[in-house]
């Protein structure tokens, strides 16, 4: 199989092996994810927790992309994944014996996640 653009011996055209150009929907989804994520991580001073929350947001965006309406699904998935990340973080802190006091800043209520613009 050839990676070059053209017709191969079987008569079908192969595409070049290059990354697709991101479309408008992908850019809008990424922008929405970043706006929602910013509302959450701007209140967090712990860099390790910020990494966990960012990872959760990336997972939510990947899952949302697999749906029919990713822009509608992302806020709910993000809230769910970030809530799970916070719960995991709190549990890890308790197990390690760290003094972790859940603060208002870490609450994940509807006010923390603004409506999709």
C-alpha atoms as a PDB file:
ATOM      1  CA  UNK A   1       0.000   0.000   0.000  1.00  0.00           C
ATOM      2  CA  UNK A   2       1.382   3.329  -0.978  1.00  0.00           C
ATOM      3  CA  UNK A   3       1.233   6.405   1.224  1.00  0.00           C
ATOM      4  CA  UNK A   4       1.419   8.637  -1.825  1.00  0.00           C
ATOM      5  CA  UNK A   5      -1.666  10.132  -3.335  1.00  0.00           C
ATOM      6  CA  UNK A   6      -2.691   8.323  -6.467  1.00  0.00           C
ATOM      7  CA  UNK A   7      -4.100   5.052  -7.727  1.00  0.00           C
ATOM      8  CA  UNK A   8      -2.677   1.817  -6.382  1.00  0.00           C
ATOM      9  CA  UNK A   9      -2.624  -1.561  -8.117  1.00  0.00           C
ATOM     10  CA  UNK A  10      -6.123  -2.472  -6.854  1.00  0.00           C
ATOM     11  CA  UNK A  11      -7.703   0.506  -8.575  1.00  0.00           C
ATOM     12  CA  UNK A  12      -8.792   2.575  -5.568  1.00  0.00           C
ATOM     13  CA  UNK A  13      -7.281   5.862  -4.584  1.00  0.00           C
ATOM     14  CA  UNK A  14      -5.399   6.099  -1.325  1.00  0.00           C
ATOM     15  CA  UNK A  15      -5.113   9.297   0.658  1.00  0.00           C
ATOM     16  CA  UNK A  16      -1.822  10.753   1.806  1.00  0.00           C
ATOM     17  CA  UNK A  17      -0.939  10.071   5.406  1.00  0.00           C
ATOM     18  CA  UNK A  18      -1.346  13.492   6.925  1.00  0.00           C
ATOM     19  CA  UNK A  19      -3.265  14.841   9.860  1.00  0.00           C
ATOM     20  CA  UNK A  20      -6.665  16.237   8.963  1.00  0.00           C
ATOM     21  CA  UNK A  21      -7.183  19.966   9.130  1.00  0.00           C
ATOM     22  CA  UNK A  22      -9.342  20.876  12.079  1.00  0.00           C
ATOM     23  CA  UNK A  23     -12.774  22.072  11.152  1.00  0.00           C
ATOM     24  CA  UNK A  24     -15.023  24.672  12.640  1.00  0.00           C
ATOM     25  CA  UNK A  25     -16.833  22.257  14.950  1.00  0.00           C
ATOM     26  CA  UNK A  26     -13.587  20.941  16.415  1.00  0.00           C
ATOM     27  CA  UNK A  27     -12.371  24.482  17.051  1.00  0.00           C
ATOM     28  CA  UNK A  28     -15.667  25.460  18.680  1.00  0.00           C
ATOM     29  CA  UNK A  29     -15.614  22.337  20.865  1.00  0.00           C
ATOM     30  CA  UNK A  30     -12.040  23.046  21.953  1.00  0.00           C
ATOM     31  CA  UNK A  31     -12.941  26.675  22.673  1.00  0.00           C
ATOM     32  CA  UNK A  32     -15.951  25.649  24.751  1.00  0.00           C
ATOM     33  CA  UNK A  33     -13.831  23.155  26.687  1.00  0.00           C
ATOM     34  CA  UNK A  34     -11.215  25.829  27.391  1.00  0.00           C
ATOM     35  CA  UNK A  35     -13.829  28.362  28.566  1.00  0.00           C
ATOM     36  CA  UNK A  36     -15.495  25.846  30.873  1.00  0.00           C
ATOM     37  CA  UNK A  37     -12.149  24.595  32.156  1.00  0.00           C
ATOM     38  CA  UNK A  38     -10.895  28.116  32.825  1.00  0.00           C
ATOM     39  CA  UNK A  39     -13.909  28.795  35.072  1.00  0.00           C
ATOM     40  CA  UNK A  40     -12.845  25.850  37.224  1.00  0.00           C
ATOM     41  CA  UNK A  41      -9.038  25.939  37.293  1.00  0.00           C
ATOM     42  CA  UNK A  42      -8.728  29.683  37.869  1.00  0.00           C
ATOM     43  CA  UNK A  43      -9.869  29.040  41.449  1.00  0.00           C
ATOM     44  CA  UNK A  44      -7.356  26.230  42.070  1.00  0.00           C
ATOM     45  CA  UNK A  45      -3.847  26.955  43.300  1.00  0.00           C
ATOM     46  CA  UNK A  46      -2.626  23.338  43.439  1.00  0.00           C
ATOM     47  CA  UNK A  47      -0.853  22.483  40.158  1.00  0.00           C
ATOM     48  CA  UNK A  48      -1.286  18.709  40.604  1.00  0.00           C
ATOM     49  CA  UNK A  49      -5.031  19.132  41.014  1.00  0.00           C
ATOM     50  CA  UNK A  50      -5.112  21.446  38.004  1.00  0.00           C
ATOM     51  CA  UNK A  51      -3.439  18.715  35.912  1.00  0.00           C
ATOM     52  CA  UNK A  52      -6.037  16.175  37.060  1.00  0.00           C
ATOM     53  CA  UNK A  53      -8.887  18.539  36.221  1.00  0.00           C
ATOM     54  CA  UNK A  54      -7.390  19.314  32.806  1.00  0.00           C
ATOM     55  CA  UNK A  55      -7.043  15.588  32.102  1.00  0.00           C
ATOM     56  CA  UNK A  56     -10.697  15.086  33.045  1.00  0.00           C
ATOM     57  CA  UNK A  57     -11.743  17.943  30.747  1.00  0.00           C
ATOM     58  CA  UNK A  58      -9.810  16.398  27.864  1.00  0.00           C
ATOM     59  CA  UNK A  59     -11.538  13.059  28.497  1.00  0.00           C
ATOM     60  CA  UNK A  60     -14.915  14.805  28.506  1.00  0.00           C
ATOM     61  CA  UNK A  61     -14.155  16.517  25.197  1.00  0.00           C
ATOM     62  CA  UNK A  62     -13.057  13.231  23.630  1.00  0.00           C
ATOM     63  CA  UNK A  63     -16.235  11.522  24.802  1.00  0.00           C
ATOM     64  CA  UNK A  64     -18.394  14.431  23.668  1.00  0.00           C
ATOM     65  CA  UNK A  65     -16.825  14.293  20.215  1.00  0.00           C
ATOM     66  CA  UNK A  66     -18.163  10.737  19.813  1.00  0.00           C
ATOM     67  CA  UNK A  67     -21.759  11.922  20.206  1.00  0.00           C
ATOM     68  CA  UNK A  68     -24.200  13.400  17.707  1.00  0.00           C
ATOM     69  CA  UNK A  69     -24.175  16.855  19.353  1.00  0.00           C
ATOM     70  CA  UNK A  70     -20.802  17.317  21.055  1.00  0.00           C
ATOM     71  CA  UNK A  71     -21.411  20.994  21.857  1.00  0.00           C
ATOM     72  CA  UNK A  72     -24.547  20.143  23.827  1.00  0.00           C
ATOM     73  CA  UNK A  73     -23.062  17.139  25.599  1.00  0.00           C
ATOM     74  CA  UNK A  74     -19.679  18.604  26.597  1.00  0.00           C
ATOM     75  CA  UNK A  75     -20.825  20.770  29.555  1.00  0.00           C
ATOM     76  CA  UNK A  76     -22.594  17.840  31.213  1.00  0.00           C
ATOM     77  CA  UNK A  77     -19.745  15.405  30.544  1.00  0.00           C
ATOM     78  CA  UNK A  78     -17.213  17.941  31.768  1.00  0.00           C
ATOM     79  CA  UNK A  79     -19.133  18.467  34.978  1.00  0.00           C
ATOM     80  CA  UNK A  80     -19.358  14.706  35.521  1.00  0.00           C
ATOM     81  CA  UNK A  81     -15.684  14.001  34.764  1.00  0.00           C
ATOM     82  CA  UNK A  82     -14.401  16.962  36.780  1.00  0.00           C
ATOM     83  CA  UNK A  83     -16.625  15.987  39.715  1.00  0.00           C
ATOM     84  CA  UNK A  84     -15.155  12.483  39.585  1.00  0.00           C
ATOM     85  CA  UNK A  85     -11.640  13.949  39.455  1.00  0.00           C
ATOM     86  CA  UNK A  86     -12.349  16.091  42.536  1.00  0.00           C
ATOM     87  CA  UNK A  87     -13.732  13.065  44.409  1.00  0.00           C
ATOM     88  CA  UNK A  88     -10.679  10.999  43.470  1.00  0.00           C
ATOM     89  CA  UNK A  89      -8.378  13.827  44.552  1.00  0.00           C
ATOM     90  CA  UNK A  90     -10.104  14.186  47.934  1.00  0.00           C
ATOM     91  CA  UNK A  91      -9.932  10.424  48.509  1.00  0.00           C
ATOM     92  CA  UNK A  92      -6.222  10.363  47.667  1.00  0.00           C
ATOM     93  CA  UNK A  93      -5.579  13.216  50.080  1.00  0.00           C
ATOM     94  CA  UNK A  94      -7.419  11.385  52.880  1.00  0.00           C
ATOM     95  CA  UNK A  95      -5.481   8.168  52.198  1.00  0.00           C
ATOM     96  CA  UNK A  96      -2.162  10.006  52.202  1.00  0.00           C
ATOM     97  CA  UNK A  97      -3.130  11.712  55.430  1.00  0.00           C
ATOM     98  CA  UNK A  98      -2.805  15.166  53.935  1.00  0.00           C
ATOM     99  CA  UNK A  99      -4.942  17.818  55.470  1.00  0.00           C
ATOM    100  CA  UNK A 100      -7.295  18.599  52.649  1.00  0.00           C
ATOM    101  CA  UNK A 101     -10.154  20.894  53.441  1.00  0.00           C
ATOM    102  CA  UNK A 102     -12.730  21.018  50.662  1.00  0.00           C
ATOM    103  CA  UNK A 103     -13.336  24.681  49.999  1.00  0.00           C
ATOM    104  CA  UNK A 104     -16.014  26.620  48.213  1.00  0.00           C
ATOM    105  CA  UNK A 105     -13.525  26.978  45.384  1.00  0.00           C
ATOM    106  CA  UNK A 106     -13.670  23.253  44.755  1.00  0.00           C
ATOM    107  CA  UNK A 107     -17.454  22.982  44.767  1.00  0.00           C
ATOM    108  CA  UNK A 108     -18.809  21.906  41.434  1.00  0.00           C
ATOM    109  CA  UNK A 109     -22.236  23.379  41.229  1.00  0.00           C
ATOM    110  CA  UNK A 110     -24.036  24.794  38.255  1.00  0.00           C
ATOM    111  CA  UNK A 111     -22.544  28.217  38.969  1.00  0.00           C
ATOM    112  CA  UNK A 112     -19.017  26.833  38.439  1.00  0.00           C
ATOM    113  CA  UNK A 113     -19.838  25.719  34.928  1.00  0.00           C
ATOM    114  CA  UNK A 114     -21.303  28.527  32.861  1.00  0.00           C
ATOM    115  CA  UNK A 115     -23.852  27.751  30.217  1.00  0.00           C
ATOM    116  CA  UNK A 116     -22.474  27.057  26.758  1.00  0.00           C
ATOM    117  CA  UNK A 117     -22.215  30.226  24.737  1.00  0.00           C
END
